[in-house]
Protein backbone atom coordinates (compact mmCIF):
# COMPACT_ATOMS: atom_id res chain seq x y z
CA MET A 1 0.00 0.00 0.00
CA LYS A 2 1.19 3.49 -0.82
CA VAL A 3 0.29 6.41 1.44
CA GLU A 4 1.04 9.90 0.13
CA ILE A 5 0.93 12.76 2.61
CA TRP A 6 0.72 16.36 1.47
CA SER A 7 2.01 18.70 4.17
CA ASP A 8 4.19 21.68 5.02
CA VAL A 9 7.00 21.67 7.56
CA VAL A 10 5.61 24.81 9.26
CA CYS A 11 2.08 23.45 9.60
CA PRO A 12 1.33 22.57 13.25
CA TRP A 13 -1.53 20.24 12.36
CA CYS A 14 0.77 18.47 9.90
CA TYR A 15 3.19 17.62 12.70
CA ILE A 16 0.33 16.47 14.93
CA GLY A 17 -1.10 14.51 12.01
CA LYS A 18 2.28 12.88 11.43
CA ARG A 19 2.33 11.60 15.00
CA ARG A 20 -1.25 10.34 14.79
CA PHE A 21 -0.54 8.57 11.52
CA GLU A 22 2.56 6.97 13.04
CA SER A 23 0.43 5.76 15.94
CA ALA A 24 -2.11 4.26 13.54
CA LEU A 25 0.58 2.67 11.39
CA ALA A 26 2.23 1.07 14.42
CA ARG A 27 -1.03 -0.81 15.08
CA PHE A 28 -1.63 -1.73 11.44
CA ALA A 29 -1.05 -5.43 10.81
CA HIS A 30 0.49 -4.81 7.38
CA ARG A 31 2.64 -1.84 8.36
CA ASP A 32 5.78 -3.38 6.84
CA GLU A 33 4.08 -3.34 3.45
CA VAL A 34 3.17 0.36 3.55
CA GLU A 35 5.21 2.87 1.55
CA VAL A 36 4.92 6.41 2.90
CA VAL A 37 5.70 9.27 0.52
CA TRP A 38 5.81 12.90 1.64
CA ARG A 39 4.44 15.38 -0.89
CA SER A 40 5.07 19.13 -0.98
CA PHE A 41 2.51 21.78 -0.08
CA GLU A 42 3.48 25.39 0.70
CA LEU A 43 1.10 27.19 3.00
CA ASP A 44 2.61 30.53 1.96
CA PRO A 45 4.56 30.29 -1.32
CA ASN A 46 5.19 34.05 -1.24
CA ALA A 47 6.78 34.10 2.20
CA PRO A 48 10.23 35.71 2.43
CA ARG A 49 13.18 33.44 3.12
CA LEU A 50 13.30 34.77 6.68
CA ARG A 51 10.15 36.31 8.12
CA GLU A 52 10.56 38.89 10.84
CA GLY A 53 8.11 39.63 13.63
CA ASP A 54 6.22 37.90 16.36
CA TYR A 55 4.32 34.70 15.52
CA ALA A 56 1.29 35.65 17.61
CA ASP A 57 1.09 39.10 16.00
CA ARG A 58 1.10 37.54 12.53
CA LEU A 59 -1.62 35.08 13.53
CA ALA A 60 -3.74 37.88 14.96
CA ARG A 61 -3.45 39.88 11.73
CA LYS A 62 -4.26 36.84 9.61
CA TYR A 63 -7.48 35.99 11.46
CA GLY A 64 -8.44 39.50 12.56
CA THR A 65 -8.18 38.70 16.26
CA THR A 66 -6.38 40.30 19.17
CA ARG A 67 -2.88 39.21 20.09
CA GLU A 68 -4.27 37.74 23.32
CA GLN A 69 -6.69 35.59 21.33
CA ALA A 70 -3.85 34.47 19.06
CA VAL A 71 -1.80 33.44 22.08
CA GLN A 72 -4.76 31.44 23.36
CA MET A 73 -4.98 29.69 19.98
CA HIS A 74 -1.32 28.78 20.33
CA GLU A 75 -1.89 27.48 23.83
CA ARG A 76 -4.71 25.22 22.66
CA ILE A 77 -2.76 23.70 19.81
CA THR A 78 0.33 23.39 22.03
CA ALA A 79 -1.75 21.35 24.49
CA THR A 80 -3.04 19.17 21.63
CA ALA A 81 0.52 18.62 20.43
CA ALA A 82 1.62 17.69 23.95
CA ASP A 83 -1.00 14.93 23.96
CA GLU A 84 0.89 13.45 21.00
CA GLY A 85 4.26 13.78 22.72
CA LEU A 86 5.29 16.96 20.88
CA SER A 87 6.70 20.13 22.38
CA PHE A 88 5.65 23.28 20.50
CA ARG A 89 7.44 26.58 21.17
CA PHE A 90 5.62 29.20 19.11
CA ASP A 91 7.37 31.91 21.09
CA GLN A 92 10.65 30.79 19.49
CA ALA A 93 9.43 29.85 16.01
CA ARG A 94 11.31 31.53 13.16
CA ALA A 95 9.08 31.41 10.11
CA GLY A 96 10.14 31.71 6.49
CA ASN A 97 9.75 30.32 3.01
CA THR A 98 9.63 26.51 2.94
CA PHE A 99 10.35 25.88 -0.75
CA ASP A 100 13.98 24.89 -0.09
CA ALA A 101 12.93 22.64 2.77
CA HIS A 102 10.58 20.80 0.43
CA ARG A 103 13.34 20.39 -2.14
CA LEU A 104 15.54 18.77 0.49
CA VAL A 105 12.74 16.39 1.46
CA HIS A 106 12.74 15.26 -2.17
CA LEU A 107 16.51 14.84 -2.02
CA ALA A 108 16.10 12.75 1.14
CA ALA A 109 13.85 10.34 -0.77
CA THR A 110 16.85 9.31 -2.90
CA PHE A 111 18.58 8.14 0.29
CA GLY A 112 15.47 6.40 1.64
CA ILE A 113 15.31 8.77 4.63
CA GLN A 114 12.48 11.09 3.64
CA ASP A 115 10.59 10.53 6.88
CA GLN A 116 13.66 11.20 9.02
CA VAL A 117 14.34 14.49 7.24
CA LYS A 118 10.71 15.55 7.48
CA GLU A 119 10.77 14.84 11.21
CA ARG A 120 14.04 16.71 11.71
CA LEU A 121 12.77 19.82 9.93
CA MET A 122 9.48 19.86 11.81
CA ARG A 123 11.13 19.39 15.18
CA ALA A 124 13.65 22.12 14.39
CA TYR A 125 10.91 24.58 13.52
CA PHE A 126 8.33 23.82 16.18
CA SER A 127 10.55 22.89 19.14
CA GLU A 128 14.00 24.37 18.60
CA GLY A 129 13.49 27.84 17.12
CA GLU A 130 15.53 27.11 13.98
CA ALA A 131 15.16 29.41 10.97
CA ILE A 132 13.37 27.17 8.50
CA GLY A 133 14.15 29.36 5.49
CA ASP A 134 17.89 29.76 6.09
CA ARG A 135 19.93 27.59 3.74
CA ASP A 136 22.90 27.03 6.05
CA THR A 137 20.48 25.97 8.77
CA LEU A 138 18.72 23.59 6.41
CA VAL A 139 21.99 21.95 5.38
CA ARG A 140 22.90 21.37 9.02
CA LEU A 141 19.48 19.97 9.87
CA VAL A 142 19.25 17.51 7.01
CA GLU A 143 22.81 16.41 7.66
CA ASP A 144 21.66 15.54 11.19
CA ALA A 145 19.13 13.20 9.57
CA GLY A 146 21.64 11.54 7.25
CA VAL A 147 21.78 13.64 4.07
CA PRO A 148 25.35 14.46 3.02
CA ALA A 149 25.96 18.18 3.52
CA ASP A 150 27.68 18.62 0.16
CA GLN A 151 24.70 17.18 -1.70
CA ALA A 152 22.27 19.35 0.24
CA ARG A 153 24.32 22.45 -0.61
CA SER A 154 24.47 21.41 -4.25
CA VAL A 155 20.69 21.15 -4.41
CA LEU A 156 20.17 24.51 -2.72
CA SER A 157 22.63 26.26 -5.04
CA SER A 158 20.66 25.06 -8.07
CA ASP A 159 17.06 24.53 -9.09
CA THR A 160 17.25 20.76 -8.46
CA TYR A 161 13.92 19.31 -7.29
CA ALA A 162 12.13 22.61 -7.90
CA ALA A 163 10.07 20.90 -10.60
CA ASP A 164 9.24 18.05 -8.21
CA VAL A 165 7.89 20.46 -5.60
CA ARG A 166 5.79 22.23 -8.22
CA ALA A 167 4.54 18.91 -9.55
CA ASP A 168 3.38 17.91 -6.06
CA GLU A 169 1.55 21.21 -5.71
CA ARG A 170 -0.12 20.90 -9.11
CA GLU A 171 -1.24 17.41 -8.26
CA ALA A 172 -2.65 18.64 -4.95
CA ALA A 173 -4.73 21.17 -6.87
CA GLU A 174 -5.91 18.48 -9.30
CA LEU A 175 -6.96 16.29 -6.37
CA GLY A 176 -8.84 19.17 -4.77
CA ILE A 177 -6.49 19.46 -1.81
CA THR A 178 -6.80 22.92 -0.32
CA GLY A 179 -5.49 22.29 3.20
CA VAL A 180 -2.98 20.05 4.91
CA PRO A 181 -2.25 17.51 6.17
CA PHE A 182 -3.96 15.42 3.54
CA PHE A 183 -3.49 11.65 3.35
CA VAL A 184 -4.07 9.71 0.14
CA LEU A 185 -4.15 5.91 0.44
CA ASP A 186 -3.54 3.94 -2.75
CA ARG A 187 -5.38 6.69 -4.62
CA ARG A 188 -8.55 5.13 -3.21
CA TYR A 189 -9.15 7.17 -0.08
CA GLY A 190 -8.37 10.71 0.96
CA VAL A 191 -8.28 11.84 4.58
CA SER A 192 -8.22 15.56 5.28
CA GLY A 193 -6.74 16.98 8.47
CA ALA A 194 -4.98 15.57 11.52
CA GLN A 195 -7.66 12.98 12.21
CA PRO A 196 -7.50 10.74 15.31
CA ALA A 197 -5.23 7.71 15.07
CA ASP A 198 -8.19 5.34 15.35
CA LEU A 199 -9.83 6.83 12.27
CA LEU A 200 -6.57 6.69 10.33
CA LEU A 201 -6.17 3.05 11.33
CA GLN A 202 -9.70 2.24 10.16
CA THR A 203 -8.95 3.88 6.82
CA LEU A 204 -5.72 1.92 6.43
CA GLU A 205 -7.58 -1.30 7.12
CA GLN A 206 -10.40 -0.46 4.71
CA ALA A 207 -8.01 0.48 1.92
CA TRP A 208 -6.04 -2.73 2.50
CA ARG A 209 -9.16 -4.90 2.35
CA GLU A 210 -10.22 -3.36 -0.93
CA ALA A 211 -6.78 -3.77 -2.45
CA HIS A 212 -6.36 -7.33 -1.12
CA PRO A 213 -9.74 -9.10 -1.21
CA ILE A 214 -9.83 -12.59 0.28
CA PRO A 215 -10.38 -15.10 -2.55
CA GLN A 216 -13.29 -17.51 -2.11
CA LEU A 217 -12.17 -20.99 -3.09
CA THR A 218 -14.54 -23.87 -3.82
CA THR A 219 -13.76 -27.51 -4.54
CA VAL A 220 -15.93 -29.18 -7.13
CA GLY A 221 -17.71 -32.19 -5.67
CA ALA A 222 -16.66 -31.52 -2.08
CA PRO A 223 -18.91 -33.21 0.53
CA GLY A 224 -21.61 -30.83 1.71
CA GLY A 225 -21.11 -28.37 -1.15
CA GLU A 226 -22.77 -25.00 -0.65
CA GLU A 227 -24.90 -26.38 2.18
CA ALA A 228 -21.85 -26.57 4.48
CA ALA A 229 -22.01 -22.86 5.31
CA CYS A 230 -24.15 -20.52 7.41
CA THR A 231 -25.64 -17.26 6.27
CA ASP A 232 -27.65 -16.44 9.42
CA ASP A 233 -28.55 -17.97 12.78
CA THR A 234 -31.11 -20.38 11.29
CA CYS A 235 -28.75 -22.30 9.05
CA ALA A 236 -29.42 -25.99 8.43
CA ILE A 237 -27.49 -28.53 10.50
């Protein structure tokens, strides 16, 4: 089974959704046969490389609320994240453009460590106050996760994987994805938002059943034939 997840590294619900999906996957009987692919989605493609200013002030302007209300919003989502074992520090978050981060996630896929890089970038942004749009910072972070620094620098000094990021975003639009996280299972099911782990598990199981139906075998001339089965609680004995 292939699970594609559209997300952004500065999306708090994407990080929460990642943890919930991991919890669901850990309980999924066929977890070793699931391929997880991270797809690119920029929440703010026009963001500067390094965005100045207070996070709460920006949130208040975006939603037309007071700064106090914005802080309360942060407190609520921080508590939700804590329930999933995550530590959010919005007071330290250093926002910026995530296009380069997405390119490096594509690079990580060539090493088979896409998930590790995604995790490292999210943790750096939400818990450690790292500047997510700074290229030197990005090189250091992905190197922590196993990507050779020289290859990361080479990608960032070129337009490598730019087309891959744009292709992910075009495909998101074609699929009608307008918000993240968004989970697509075998191109059969789509799950929008950081849904509870139980619901994600149910969706995994349903998608697996549809992709792997149990064959019904019959043996010609077998004793009992079709009569040797029950269809309700009044079956013949």
